[in-house]
N, C-alpha and C. Protein backbone atom coordinates (compact mmCIF):
# COMPACT_ATOMS: atom_id res chain seq x y z
N MET A 1 -49.03 -19.25 -40.07
CA MET A 1 -47.85 -20.11 -39.94
C MET A 1 -47.32 -20.00 -38.52
N SER A 2 -47.08 -21.13 -37.90
CA SER A 2 -46.61 -21.13 -36.52
C SER A 2 -45.16 -20.67 -36.45
N SER A 3 -44.76 -20.28 -35.26
CA SER A 3 -43.39 -19.81 -35.03
C SER A 3 -42.37 -20.91 -35.34
N THR A 4 -42.68 -22.13 -34.94
CA THR A 4 -41.76 -23.24 -35.19
C THR A 4 -41.61 -23.52 -36.67
N ARG A 5 -42.71 -23.50 -37.41
CA ARG A 5 -42.64 -23.73 -38.86
C ARG A 5 -41.87 -22.62 -39.54
N LEU A 6 -42.05 -21.39 -39.09
CA LEU A 6 -41.32 -20.25 -39.65
C LEU A 6 -39.83 -20.39 -39.38
N GLN A 7 -39.47 -20.82 -38.15
CA GLN A 7 -38.07 -21.03 -37.81
C GLN A 7 -37.45 -22.11 -38.68
N HIS A 8 -38.17 -23.22 -38.88
CA HIS A 8 -37.65 -24.31 -39.72
C HIS A 8 -37.51 -23.86 -41.17
N ALA A 9 -38.44 -23.08 -41.66
CA ALA A 9 -38.36 -22.57 -43.03
C ALA A 9 -37.16 -21.65 -43.18
N LEU A 10 -36.94 -20.79 -42.19
CA LEU A 10 -35.79 -19.89 -42.23
C LEU A 10 -34.47 -20.68 -42.16
N GLN A 11 -34.44 -21.71 -41.33
CA GLN A 11 -33.24 -22.54 -41.23
C GLN A 11 -32.94 -23.24 -42.55
N ARG A 12 -33.97 -23.80 -43.18
CA ARG A 12 -33.78 -24.46 -44.47
C ARG A 12 -33.30 -23.47 -45.53
N PHE A 13 -33.86 -22.26 -45.50
CA PHE A 13 -33.44 -21.23 -46.45
C PHE A 13 -31.98 -20.86 -46.24
N GLU A 14 -31.59 -20.60 -44.99
CA GLU A 14 -30.19 -20.26 -44.69
C GLU A 14 -29.25 -21.38 -45.11
N ASP A 15 -29.57 -22.61 -44.74
CA ASP A 15 -28.72 -23.75 -45.07
C ASP A 15 -28.63 -23.95 -46.59
N GLY A 16 -29.77 -23.83 -47.26
CA GLY A 16 -29.79 -24.00 -48.71
C GLY A 16 -29.00 -22.91 -49.42
N LEU A 17 -29.16 -21.66 -48.96
CA LEU A 17 -28.42 -20.55 -49.57
C LEU A 17 -26.92 -20.71 -49.34
N LEU A 18 -26.54 -21.14 -48.15
CA LEU A 18 -25.12 -21.36 -47.85
C LEU A 18 -24.55 -22.46 -48.74
N ALA A 19 -25.28 -23.56 -48.90
CA ALA A 19 -24.81 -24.66 -49.76
C ALA A 19 -24.72 -24.20 -51.22
N PHE A 20 -25.72 -23.42 -51.68
CA PHE A 20 -25.71 -22.92 -53.05
C PHE A 20 -24.52 -22.01 -53.30
N ILE A 21 -24.24 -21.13 -52.36
CA ILE A 21 -23.12 -20.19 -52.54
C ILE A 21 -21.79 -20.94 -52.51
N LEU A 22 -21.66 -21.93 -51.64
CA LEU A 22 -20.43 -22.73 -51.63
C LEU A 22 -20.24 -23.46 -52.96
N LEU A 23 -21.31 -24.02 -53.50
CA LEU A 23 -21.25 -24.69 -54.79
C LEU A 23 -20.90 -23.71 -55.91
N LEU A 24 -21.50 -22.54 -55.87
CA LEU A 24 -21.21 -21.50 -56.86
C LEU A 24 -19.75 -21.06 -56.78
N MET A 25 -19.27 -20.89 -55.56
CA MET A 25 -17.87 -20.50 -55.36
C MET A 25 -16.93 -21.55 -55.91
N LEU A 26 -17.19 -22.79 -55.59
CA LEU A 26 -16.37 -23.88 -56.08
C LEU A 26 -16.39 -23.96 -57.60
N SER A 27 -17.56 -23.78 -58.18
CA SER A 27 -17.70 -23.83 -59.64
C SER A 27 -16.92 -22.71 -60.32
N PHE A 28 -17.08 -21.48 -59.84
CA PHE A 28 -16.37 -20.35 -60.45
C PHE A 28 -14.86 -20.47 -60.27
N ALA A 29 -14.43 -20.86 -59.08
CA ALA A 29 -12.99 -21.00 -58.85
C ALA A 29 -12.40 -22.10 -59.73
N SER A 30 -13.09 -23.21 -59.86
CA SER A 30 -12.61 -24.31 -60.71
C SER A 30 -12.58 -23.88 -62.18
N ALA A 31 -13.65 -23.23 -62.62
CA ALA A 31 -13.69 -22.76 -64.02
C ALA A 31 -12.57 -21.77 -64.29
N GLN A 32 -12.31 -20.90 -63.34
CA GLN A 32 -11.25 -19.90 -63.51
C GLN A 32 -9.88 -20.59 -63.63
N ILE A 33 -9.64 -21.59 -62.80
CA ILE A 33 -8.37 -22.32 -62.84
C ILE A 33 -8.21 -23.04 -64.17
N VAL A 34 -9.25 -23.73 -64.60
CA VAL A 34 -9.18 -24.47 -65.87
C VAL A 34 -8.98 -23.51 -67.03
N MET A 35 -9.73 -22.43 -67.06
CA MET A 35 -9.62 -21.48 -68.16
C MET A 35 -8.25 -20.82 -68.21
N ARG A 36 -7.69 -20.48 -67.05
CA ARG A 36 -6.37 -19.84 -67.03
C ARG A 36 -5.28 -20.81 -67.46
N ASN A 37 -5.37 -22.06 -67.01
CA ASN A 37 -4.32 -23.03 -67.33
C ASN A 37 -4.42 -23.59 -68.74
N LEU A 38 -5.62 -23.80 -69.22
CA LEU A 38 -5.78 -24.41 -70.55
C LEU A 38 -5.91 -23.40 -71.67
N PHE A 39 -6.53 -22.26 -71.39
CA PHE A 39 -6.83 -21.31 -72.45
C PHE A 39 -6.15 -19.96 -72.26
N SER A 40 -5.37 -19.81 -71.22
CA SER A 40 -4.70 -18.54 -70.91
C SER A 40 -5.67 -17.36 -70.87
N SER A 41 -6.86 -17.62 -70.39
CA SER A 41 -7.85 -16.56 -70.24
C SER A 41 -8.71 -16.89 -69.02
N GLY A 42 -9.70 -16.09 -68.80
CA GLY A 42 -10.60 -16.35 -67.69
C GLY A 42 -11.77 -15.39 -67.73
N ILE A 43 -12.61 -15.51 -66.76
CA ILE A 43 -13.77 -14.61 -66.65
C ILE A 43 -13.29 -13.38 -65.90
N VAL A 44 -13.39 -12.23 -66.51
CA VAL A 44 -12.84 -10.99 -65.96
C VAL A 44 -13.41 -10.67 -64.58
N TRP A 45 -14.69 -10.86 -64.39
CA TRP A 45 -15.34 -10.48 -63.14
C TRP A 45 -15.41 -11.63 -62.14
N SER A 46 -14.77 -12.74 -62.43
CA SER A 46 -14.84 -13.90 -61.54
C SER A 46 -14.15 -13.65 -60.19
N ASP A 47 -12.99 -13.03 -60.21
CA ASP A 47 -12.28 -12.79 -58.95
C ASP A 47 -13.04 -11.86 -58.00
N PRO A 48 -13.58 -10.72 -58.48
CA PRO A 48 -14.39 -9.90 -57.56
C PRO A 48 -15.65 -10.63 -57.08
N LEU A 49 -16.25 -11.45 -57.95
CA LEU A 49 -17.42 -12.23 -57.54
C LEU A 49 -17.04 -13.22 -56.45
N LEU A 50 -15.90 -13.87 -56.59
CA LEU A 50 -15.46 -14.83 -55.58
C LEU A 50 -15.22 -14.15 -54.24
N LYS A 51 -14.69 -12.95 -54.26
CA LYS A 51 -14.49 -12.20 -53.01
C LYS A 51 -15.83 -11.93 -52.32
N ILE A 52 -16.82 -11.56 -53.11
CA ILE A 52 -18.15 -11.30 -52.57
C ILE A 52 -18.76 -12.59 -52.03
N LEU A 53 -18.58 -13.68 -52.75
CA LEU A 53 -19.12 -14.97 -52.30
C LEU A 53 -18.45 -15.43 -51.00
N VAL A 54 -17.17 -15.10 -50.83
CA VAL A 54 -16.50 -15.41 -49.56
C VAL A 54 -17.14 -14.61 -48.42
N LEU A 55 -17.43 -13.34 -48.68
CA LEU A 55 -18.11 -12.51 -47.68
C LEU A 55 -19.47 -13.11 -47.32
N TRP A 56 -20.24 -13.49 -48.33
CA TRP A 56 -21.55 -14.08 -48.09
C TRP A 56 -21.43 -15.40 -47.32
N THR A 57 -20.45 -16.21 -47.69
CA THR A 57 -20.24 -17.48 -46.99
C THR A 57 -19.90 -17.23 -45.52
N ALA A 58 -19.04 -16.26 -45.27
CA ALA A 58 -18.66 -15.95 -43.89
C ALA A 58 -19.86 -15.48 -43.07
N MET A 59 -20.65 -14.58 -43.64
CA MET A 59 -21.79 -14.06 -42.88
C MET A 59 -22.87 -15.12 -42.69
N LEU A 60 -23.17 -15.87 -43.74
CA LEU A 60 -24.17 -16.94 -43.60
C LEU A 60 -23.68 -18.02 -42.63
N GLY A 61 -22.38 -18.33 -42.70
CA GLY A 61 -21.81 -19.30 -41.76
C GLY A 61 -21.91 -18.81 -40.32
N ALA A 62 -21.68 -17.52 -40.12
CA ALA A 62 -21.80 -16.95 -38.77
C ALA A 62 -23.25 -16.99 -38.30
N MET A 63 -24.18 -16.73 -39.20
CA MET A 63 -25.60 -16.80 -38.84
C MET A 63 -25.99 -18.23 -38.44
N VAL A 64 -25.53 -19.21 -39.20
CA VAL A 64 -25.84 -20.61 -38.89
C VAL A 64 -25.16 -21.02 -37.59
N ALA A 65 -23.91 -20.60 -37.40
CA ALA A 65 -23.19 -20.93 -36.16
C ALA A 65 -23.91 -20.34 -34.95
N THR A 66 -24.39 -19.12 -35.08
CA THR A 66 -25.14 -18.50 -33.99
C THR A 66 -26.43 -19.26 -33.72
N ARG A 67 -27.11 -19.65 -34.78
CA ARG A 67 -28.36 -20.40 -34.64
C ARG A 67 -28.14 -21.72 -33.91
N GLN A 68 -27.03 -22.38 -34.20
CA GLN A 68 -26.75 -23.69 -33.63
C GLN A 68 -25.91 -23.63 -32.35
N HIS A 69 -25.67 -22.43 -31.85
CA HIS A 69 -24.83 -22.22 -30.66
C HIS A 69 -23.40 -22.76 -30.88
N HIS A 70 -22.90 -22.65 -32.08
CA HIS A 70 -21.53 -23.07 -32.39
C HIS A 70 -20.66 -21.86 -32.71
N HIS A 71 -21.07 -20.69 -32.29
CA HIS A 71 -20.30 -19.48 -32.54
C HIS A 71 -19.07 -19.45 -31.63
N ILE A 72 -18.16 -18.57 -31.93
CA ILE A 72 -16.96 -18.43 -31.10
C ILE A 72 -17.41 -17.99 -29.71
N ASN A 73 -16.90 -18.67 -28.70
CA ASN A 73 -17.32 -18.40 -27.34
C ASN A 73 -16.10 -18.50 -26.42
N ILE A 74 -15.72 -17.40 -25.82
CA ILE A 74 -14.63 -17.41 -24.86
C ILE A 74 -15.27 -17.56 -23.49
N ASP A 75 -15.09 -18.72 -22.89
CA ASP A 75 -15.84 -19.09 -21.71
C ASP A 75 -14.92 -19.19 -20.49
N LEU A 76 -14.16 -18.17 -20.25
CA LEU A 76 -13.23 -18.18 -19.12
C LEU A 76 -13.95 -17.91 -17.80
N LEU A 77 -14.91 -17.00 -17.83
CA LEU A 77 -15.58 -16.59 -16.60
C LEU A 77 -16.32 -17.74 -15.93
N SER A 78 -16.97 -18.61 -16.72
CA SER A 78 -17.75 -19.69 -16.12
C SER A 78 -16.87 -20.71 -15.39
N LYS A 79 -15.58 -20.74 -15.69
CA LYS A 79 -14.66 -21.65 -14.99
C LYS A 79 -14.47 -21.25 -13.53
N PHE A 80 -14.63 -19.95 -13.26
CA PHE A 80 -14.39 -19.44 -11.92
C PHE A 80 -15.67 -19.13 -11.15
N LEU A 81 -16.79 -19.02 -11.86
CA LEU A 81 -18.05 -18.71 -11.19
C LEU A 81 -18.69 -19.98 -10.62
N PRO A 82 -19.37 -19.86 -9.51
CA PRO A 82 -20.14 -21.01 -9.01
C PRO A 82 -21.22 -21.38 -10.04
N HIS A 83 -21.61 -22.62 -10.06
CA HIS A 83 -22.56 -23.14 -11.05
C HIS A 83 -23.88 -22.37 -11.04
N ARG A 84 -24.31 -21.90 -9.88
CA ARG A 84 -25.60 -21.22 -9.79
C ARG A 84 -25.62 -19.90 -10.57
N PHE A 85 -24.45 -19.35 -10.91
CA PHE A 85 -24.38 -18.10 -11.66
C PHE A 85 -24.22 -18.30 -13.17
N HIS A 86 -24.13 -19.53 -13.64
CA HIS A 86 -23.89 -19.78 -15.07
C HIS A 86 -25.03 -19.26 -15.94
N ALA A 87 -26.26 -19.44 -15.51
CA ALA A 87 -27.39 -18.96 -16.32
C ALA A 87 -27.36 -17.44 -16.42
N LEU A 88 -27.07 -16.77 -15.31
CA LEU A 88 -26.98 -15.31 -15.32
C LEU A 88 -25.83 -14.86 -16.22
N GLN A 89 -24.71 -15.54 -16.11
CA GLN A 89 -23.56 -15.20 -16.94
C GLN A 89 -23.89 -15.37 -18.43
N GLN A 90 -24.57 -16.48 -18.78
CA GLN A 90 -24.95 -16.71 -20.18
C GLN A 90 -25.95 -15.66 -20.66
N THR A 91 -26.86 -15.26 -19.79
CA THR A 91 -27.82 -14.22 -20.14
C THR A 91 -27.10 -12.92 -20.47
N LEU A 92 -26.14 -12.56 -19.62
CA LEU A 92 -25.39 -11.33 -19.85
C LEU A 92 -24.52 -11.41 -21.11
N VAL A 93 -23.86 -12.54 -21.31
CA VAL A 93 -23.00 -12.71 -22.48
C VAL A 93 -23.82 -12.64 -23.76
N HIS A 94 -24.96 -13.33 -23.79
CA HIS A 94 -25.81 -13.29 -24.98
C HIS A 94 -26.37 -11.89 -25.20
N GLY A 95 -26.76 -11.23 -24.13
CA GLY A 95 -27.27 -9.86 -24.26
C GLY A 95 -26.22 -8.92 -24.80
N LEU A 96 -25.01 -9.00 -24.26
CA LEU A 96 -23.93 -8.15 -24.74
C LEU A 96 -23.57 -8.48 -26.18
N SER A 97 -23.56 -9.76 -26.53
CA SER A 97 -23.28 -10.16 -27.92
C SER A 97 -24.34 -9.60 -28.86
N GLY A 98 -25.60 -9.61 -28.41
CA GLY A 98 -26.68 -9.04 -29.22
C GLY A 98 -26.50 -7.55 -29.43
N ILE A 99 -26.08 -6.86 -28.40
CA ILE A 99 -25.86 -5.41 -28.51
C ILE A 99 -24.69 -5.14 -29.46
N ILE A 100 -23.61 -5.89 -29.34
CA ILE A 100 -22.46 -5.71 -30.22
C ILE A 100 -22.85 -5.96 -31.68
N CYS A 101 -23.61 -7.02 -31.92
CA CYS A 101 -24.05 -7.30 -33.29
C CYS A 101 -24.98 -6.20 -33.81
N ALA A 102 -25.80 -5.62 -32.94
CA ALA A 102 -26.68 -4.52 -33.34
C ALA A 102 -25.85 -3.30 -33.74
N VAL A 103 -24.82 -3.00 -32.97
CA VAL A 103 -23.93 -1.89 -33.32
C VAL A 103 -23.24 -2.16 -34.66
N LEU A 104 -22.78 -3.39 -34.87
CA LEU A 104 -22.15 -3.75 -36.14
C LEU A 104 -23.15 -3.65 -37.30
N ALA A 105 -24.40 -4.01 -37.06
CA ALA A 105 -25.44 -3.87 -38.09
C ALA A 105 -25.62 -2.40 -38.46
N TRP A 106 -25.68 -1.55 -37.44
CA TRP A 106 -25.84 -0.11 -37.68
C TRP A 106 -24.65 0.44 -38.47
N GLN A 107 -23.45 0.07 -38.06
CA GLN A 107 -22.27 0.57 -38.75
C GLN A 107 -22.19 0.03 -40.19
N SER A 108 -22.62 -1.21 -40.41
CA SER A 108 -22.60 -1.74 -41.77
C SER A 108 -23.65 -1.03 -42.63
N LEU A 109 -24.76 -0.62 -42.05
CA LEU A 109 -25.73 0.19 -42.80
C LEU A 109 -25.15 1.54 -43.18
N ARG A 110 -24.39 2.14 -42.29
CA ARG A 110 -23.72 3.41 -42.59
C ARG A 110 -22.70 3.21 -43.71
N PHE A 111 -21.97 2.10 -43.66
CA PHE A 111 -20.99 1.78 -44.70
C PHE A 111 -21.69 1.63 -46.06
N ILE A 112 -22.82 0.92 -46.07
CA ILE A 112 -23.55 0.73 -47.32
C ILE A 112 -24.07 2.05 -47.86
N ALA A 113 -24.50 2.94 -46.97
CA ALA A 113 -24.96 4.26 -47.41
C ALA A 113 -23.81 5.03 -48.08
N LEU A 114 -22.61 4.91 -47.52
CA LEU A 114 -21.45 5.56 -48.15
C LEU A 114 -21.13 4.95 -49.51
N GLU A 115 -21.21 3.64 -49.62
CA GLU A 115 -20.96 2.97 -50.89
C GLU A 115 -22.00 3.39 -51.93
N TRP A 116 -23.23 3.57 -51.50
CA TRP A 116 -24.29 3.99 -52.40
C TRP A 116 -24.03 5.41 -52.90
N GLU A 117 -23.64 6.29 -51.97
CA GLU A 117 -23.35 7.68 -52.35
C GLU A 117 -22.17 7.77 -53.31
N GLU A 118 -21.14 6.96 -53.07
CA GLU A 118 -19.94 6.98 -53.91
C GLU A 118 -20.18 6.34 -55.27
N GLY A 119 -21.16 5.45 -55.36
CA GLY A 119 -21.43 4.77 -56.62
C GLY A 119 -20.39 3.72 -56.97
N THR A 120 -19.77 3.15 -55.95
CA THR A 120 -18.74 2.13 -56.17
C THR A 120 -19.35 0.90 -56.82
N LEU A 121 -18.61 0.32 -57.77
CA LEU A 121 -19.06 -0.89 -58.43
C LEU A 121 -18.35 -2.11 -57.85
N ALA A 122 -19.10 -3.19 -57.66
CA ALA A 122 -18.52 -4.44 -57.16
C ALA A 122 -17.83 -5.17 -58.30
N PHE A 123 -18.55 -5.40 -59.36
CA PHE A 123 -18.04 -6.01 -60.59
C PHE A 123 -19.09 -5.78 -61.66
N ALA A 124 -18.66 -5.85 -62.91
CA ALA A 124 -19.56 -5.58 -64.04
C ALA A 124 -20.26 -4.25 -63.76
N ALA A 125 -21.57 -4.20 -63.82
CA ALA A 125 -22.30 -2.96 -63.55
C ALA A 125 -23.08 -3.05 -62.25
N ILE A 126 -22.69 -3.96 -61.37
CA ILE A 126 -23.40 -4.16 -60.10
C ILE A 126 -22.82 -3.22 -59.04
N PRO A 127 -23.66 -2.36 -58.47
CA PRO A 127 -23.17 -1.48 -57.40
C PRO A 127 -22.70 -2.30 -56.20
N ALA A 128 -21.65 -1.83 -55.56
CA ALA A 128 -21.04 -2.56 -54.44
C ALA A 128 -22.00 -2.73 -53.27
N TRP A 129 -22.89 -1.77 -53.07
CA TRP A 129 -23.77 -1.83 -51.90
C TRP A 129 -24.74 -3.00 -51.97
N ILE A 130 -25.06 -3.49 -53.16
CA ILE A 130 -26.03 -4.59 -53.26
C ILE A 130 -25.48 -5.88 -52.65
N PRO A 131 -24.31 -6.38 -53.08
CA PRO A 131 -23.81 -7.59 -52.43
C PRO A 131 -23.39 -7.38 -50.98
N GLU A 132 -23.13 -6.14 -50.60
CA GLU A 132 -22.72 -5.84 -49.22
C GLU A 132 -23.91 -5.82 -48.26
N LEU A 133 -25.11 -5.94 -48.78
CA LEU A 133 -26.30 -5.98 -47.92
C LEU A 133 -26.29 -7.16 -46.96
N ILE A 134 -25.49 -8.17 -47.27
CA ILE A 134 -25.40 -9.33 -46.37
C ILE A 134 -24.85 -8.92 -45.00
N LEU A 135 -24.07 -7.86 -44.95
CA LEU A 135 -23.50 -7.42 -43.67
C LEU A 135 -24.59 -7.02 -42.66
N PRO A 136 -25.44 -6.04 -42.97
CA PRO A 136 -26.48 -5.72 -41.98
C PRO A 136 -27.48 -6.85 -41.79
N ILE A 137 -27.79 -7.58 -42.85
CA ILE A 137 -28.72 -8.71 -42.72
C ILE A 137 -28.16 -9.73 -41.74
N GLY A 138 -26.90 -10.08 -41.91
CA GLY A 138 -26.26 -11.06 -41.02
C GLY A 138 -26.17 -10.57 -39.59
N PHE A 139 -25.74 -9.33 -39.41
CA PHE A 139 -25.59 -8.82 -38.04
C PHE A 139 -26.94 -8.62 -37.36
N ILE A 140 -27.97 -8.23 -38.10
CA ILE A 140 -29.30 -8.11 -37.51
C ILE A 140 -29.81 -9.49 -37.09
N SER A 141 -29.62 -10.47 -37.95
CA SER A 141 -30.04 -11.84 -37.63
C SER A 141 -29.34 -12.35 -36.37
N MET A 142 -28.02 -12.16 -36.32
CA MET A 142 -27.28 -12.63 -35.14
C MET A 142 -27.67 -11.85 -33.89
N SER A 143 -27.88 -10.55 -34.03
CA SER A 143 -28.28 -9.73 -32.89
C SER A 143 -29.61 -10.21 -32.33
N LEU A 144 -30.58 -10.44 -33.21
CA LEU A 144 -31.89 -10.91 -32.75
C LEU A 144 -31.78 -12.27 -32.06
N ARG A 145 -30.99 -13.15 -32.65
CA ARG A 145 -30.83 -14.49 -32.04
C ARG A 145 -30.19 -14.39 -30.66
N PHE A 146 -29.10 -13.60 -30.55
CA PHE A 146 -28.45 -13.46 -29.25
C PHE A 146 -29.40 -12.84 -28.23
N LEU A 147 -30.14 -11.82 -28.62
CA LEU A 147 -31.06 -11.19 -27.67
C LEU A 147 -32.18 -12.14 -27.27
N LEU A 148 -32.68 -12.93 -28.22
CA LEU A 148 -33.70 -13.93 -27.87
C LEU A 148 -33.14 -15.00 -26.94
N TYR A 149 -31.89 -15.43 -27.21
CA TYR A 149 -31.25 -16.40 -26.30
C TYR A 149 -31.15 -15.81 -24.90
N SER A 150 -30.78 -14.55 -24.83
CA SER A 150 -30.64 -13.89 -23.53
C SER A 150 -31.97 -13.84 -22.81
N LEU A 151 -33.02 -13.49 -23.51
CA LEU A 151 -34.34 -13.42 -22.89
C LEU A 151 -34.83 -14.80 -22.49
N ASN A 152 -34.60 -15.80 -23.32
CA ASN A 152 -35.02 -17.16 -22.99
C ASN A 152 -34.29 -17.69 -21.78
N LEU A 153 -32.99 -17.42 -21.69
CA LEU A 153 -32.23 -17.86 -20.52
C LEU A 153 -32.75 -17.18 -19.26
N GLN A 154 -33.03 -15.88 -19.38
CA GLN A 154 -33.52 -15.14 -18.22
C GLN A 154 -34.89 -15.68 -17.81
N ARG A 155 -35.76 -15.96 -18.80
CA ARG A 155 -37.09 -16.49 -18.49
C ARG A 155 -36.98 -17.86 -17.85
N ASP A 156 -36.10 -18.73 -18.40
CA ASP A 156 -35.93 -20.06 -17.84
C ASP A 156 -35.39 -20.02 -16.42
N ARG A 157 -34.58 -19.03 -16.14
CA ARG A 157 -33.98 -18.92 -14.81
C ARG A 157 -35.01 -18.48 -13.77
N THR A 158 -35.99 -17.69 -14.17
CA THR A 158 -36.96 -17.18 -13.20
C THR A 158 -38.14 -18.12 -13.00
N ILE A 159 -38.31 -19.09 -13.86
CA ILE A 159 -39.45 -20.03 -13.74
C ILE A 159 -39.18 -21.05 -12.68
């Protein structure tokens, strides 16, 4: 499988998973509202599940935003730098962003190890560390993308 086909498959998977989770979130939230208002009851584990789905939506959204270069970007420095330094500045910014995401991935892995040791439950009988795996997955994905952007910018600048 070529690199481009693999990238497109990964993009479709990320987009599809994000859409599925948003639909699931909307469905559970709507069902919870209807059940509480009409039947004075609800699904006991729905609220913790919705919190987890919000976390997944945020991380998947950040991964997609990074992929599409729509991530949060404070671009004050490029306003003052001469145009010839913009590629170097972008290389450094992407590299630093990749390093920060790598540190966050490492720390989220440490957090998950603590949750595993404690045996914390997310909801029902599901251990908390399982749904929290999106944290290191998301940060690793963003870190790799930022570092690849940094390398590509550096390569393009030297050619």
